Amino acid sequence: MPKQKTASEHGRQTQQGQESRKRLIEVTIQLICERGIHGTSVGAVCERAGVVKTGLYWHFGSKGGLLAAVIDEVAMLWVDEILADVLLTEAPRQRLDRMIAGLRD
């Protein structure tokens, strides 16, 4: 059976769809922080986000796809935070030191 395409693979990202996708990611992060990854169900995510399960599967294909999107989002936020700190200084050596410190923290 062929793999079902997600919304982004179909190229159908409406404003409402983008908001639902963002809300699903945010709620998943909240629930993982509260309950852990194994205590976070698709049903709980959808209920708190106010999105039907088919909407979650439309956007992400599976719980695994949702978790991959969550990891991407958290990693982007982490990198952005490190870069913002690194760019506060002009000296290359200080930038490198700040970057390494950010990665350690």
Protein backbone atom coordinates (compact mmCIF):
# COMPACT_ATOMS: atom_id res chain seq x y z
CA MET A 1 0.00 0.00 0.00
CA PRO A 2 1.49 3.41 -0.94
CA LYS A 3 2.37 5.86 1.81
CA GLN A 4 -0.28 8.51 2.43
CA LYS A 5 0.88 12.03 1.58
CA THR A 6 0.84 14.73 4.24
CA ALA A 7 -0.63 18.20 3.73
CA SER A 8 2.73 19.77 2.96
CA GLU A 9 3.47 17.08 0.37
CA HIS A 10 0.15 17.92 -1.31
CA GLY A 11 1.10 21.60 -1.32
CA ARG A 12 -2.14 22.56 0.40
CA GLN A 13 -1.17 24.84 3.25
CA THR A 14 -4.03 27.25 3.92
CA GLN A 15 -3.81 29.84 6.67
CA GLN A 16 -6.13 27.74 8.85
CA GLY A 17 -4.08 24.65 8.07
CA GLN A 18 -0.85 26.40 9.03
CA GLU A 19 -2.40 27.54 12.32
CA SER A 20 -3.65 24.02 13.07
CA ARG A 21 -0.23 22.55 12.31
CA LYS A 22 1.48 25.10 14.56
CA ARG A 23 -1.04 24.50 17.35
CA LEU A 24 -0.53 20.72 17.14
CA ILE A 25 3.24 21.15 17.49
CA GLU A 26 2.91 23.58 20.41
CA VAL A 27 0.43 21.36 22.25
CA THR A 28 2.60 18.30 21.70
CA ILE A 29 5.58 20.10 23.23
CA GLN A 30 3.44 21.12 26.23
CA LEU A 31 2.11 17.59 26.75
CA ILE A 32 5.54 15.98 26.42
CA CYS A 33 6.84 18.41 29.07
CA GLU A 34 3.92 17.53 31.35
CA ARG A 35 3.54 13.79 30.73
CA GLY A 36 6.61 12.57 28.91
CA ILE A 37 6.66 11.16 25.41
CA HIS A 38 5.02 7.84 26.31
CA GLY A 39 2.24 9.60 28.20
CA THR A 40 1.40 11.82 25.24
CA SER A 41 -1.26 10.31 23.02
CA VAL A 42 -2.57 11.47 19.67
CA GLY A 43 -6.00 11.77 21.25
CA ALA A 44 -4.76 14.04 24.04
CA VAL A 45 -2.87 16.23 21.56
CA CYS A 46 -5.91 16.59 19.31
CA GLU A 47 -8.27 17.27 22.19
CA ARG A 48 -6.12 20.02 23.68
CA ALA A 49 -5.34 21.55 20.26
CA GLY A 50 -8.98 21.44 19.17
CA VAL A 51 -8.08 19.52 16.01
CA VAL A 52 -9.64 16.26 14.86
CA LYS A 53 -7.34 13.23 14.55
CA THR A 54 -7.68 13.19 10.78
CA GLY A 55 -6.26 16.73 10.82
CA LEU A 56 -3.18 15.53 12.68
CA TYR A 57 -2.70 12.66 10.23
CA TRP A 58 -3.26 15.05 7.31
CA HIS A 59 -0.45 17.32 8.49
CA PHE A 60 2.03 14.75 9.81
CA GLY A 61 1.04 11.32 8.48
CA SER A 62 1.55 9.62 11.86
CA LYS A 63 2.51 10.19 15.49
CA GLY A 64 6.11 9.64 14.38
CA GLY A 65 5.76 12.40 11.81
CA LEU A 66 4.39 14.72 14.48
CA LEU A 67 7.29 13.90 16.79
CA ALA A 68 9.77 14.56 13.97
CA ALA A 69 8.16 17.99 13.43
CA VAL A 70 8.38 18.68 17.18
CA ILE A 71 12.08 17.79 17.20
CA ASP A 72 12.66 20.07 14.20
CA GLU A 73 10.83 22.94 15.91
CA VAL A 74 12.70 22.57 19.21
CA ALA A 75 16.04 22.25 17.41
CA MET A 76 15.35 25.41 15.38
CA LEU A 77 14.46 27.36 18.52
CA TRP A 78 17.62 26.09 20.23
CA VAL A 79 19.86 27.03 17.30
CA ASP A 80 18.19 30.45 16.95
CA GLU A 81 18.80 31.13 20.63
CA ILE A 82 22.48 30.18 20.33
CA LEU A 83 22.91 32.30 17.18
CA ALA A 84 21.30 35.33 18.80
CA ASP A 85 23.81 35.09 21.62
CA VAL A 86 26.74 34.49 19.26
CA LEU A 87 25.90 37.53 17.17
CA LEU A 88 26.10 39.83 20.20
CA THR A 89 29.86 39.99 19.78
CA GLU A 90 32.02 40.82 16.77
CA ALA A 91 35.29 39.08 17.56
CA PRO A 92 35.43 35.67 15.83
CA ARG A 93 37.10 33.98 18.80
CA GLN A 94 34.40 35.28 21.18
CA ARG A 95 31.69 34.13 18.77
CA LEU A 96 33.19 30.66 18.72
CA ASP A 97 33.42 30.59 22.52
CA ARG A 98 29.78 31.70 22.83
CA MET A 99 28.66 29.09 20.31
CA ILE A 100 30.44 26.29 22.16
CA ALA A 101 29.06 27.49 25.49
CA GLY A 102 25.56 27.57 23.99
CA LEU A 103 25.89 24.02 22.70
CA ARG A 104 27.10 22.84 26.12
CA ASP A 105 24.26 24.55 27.96
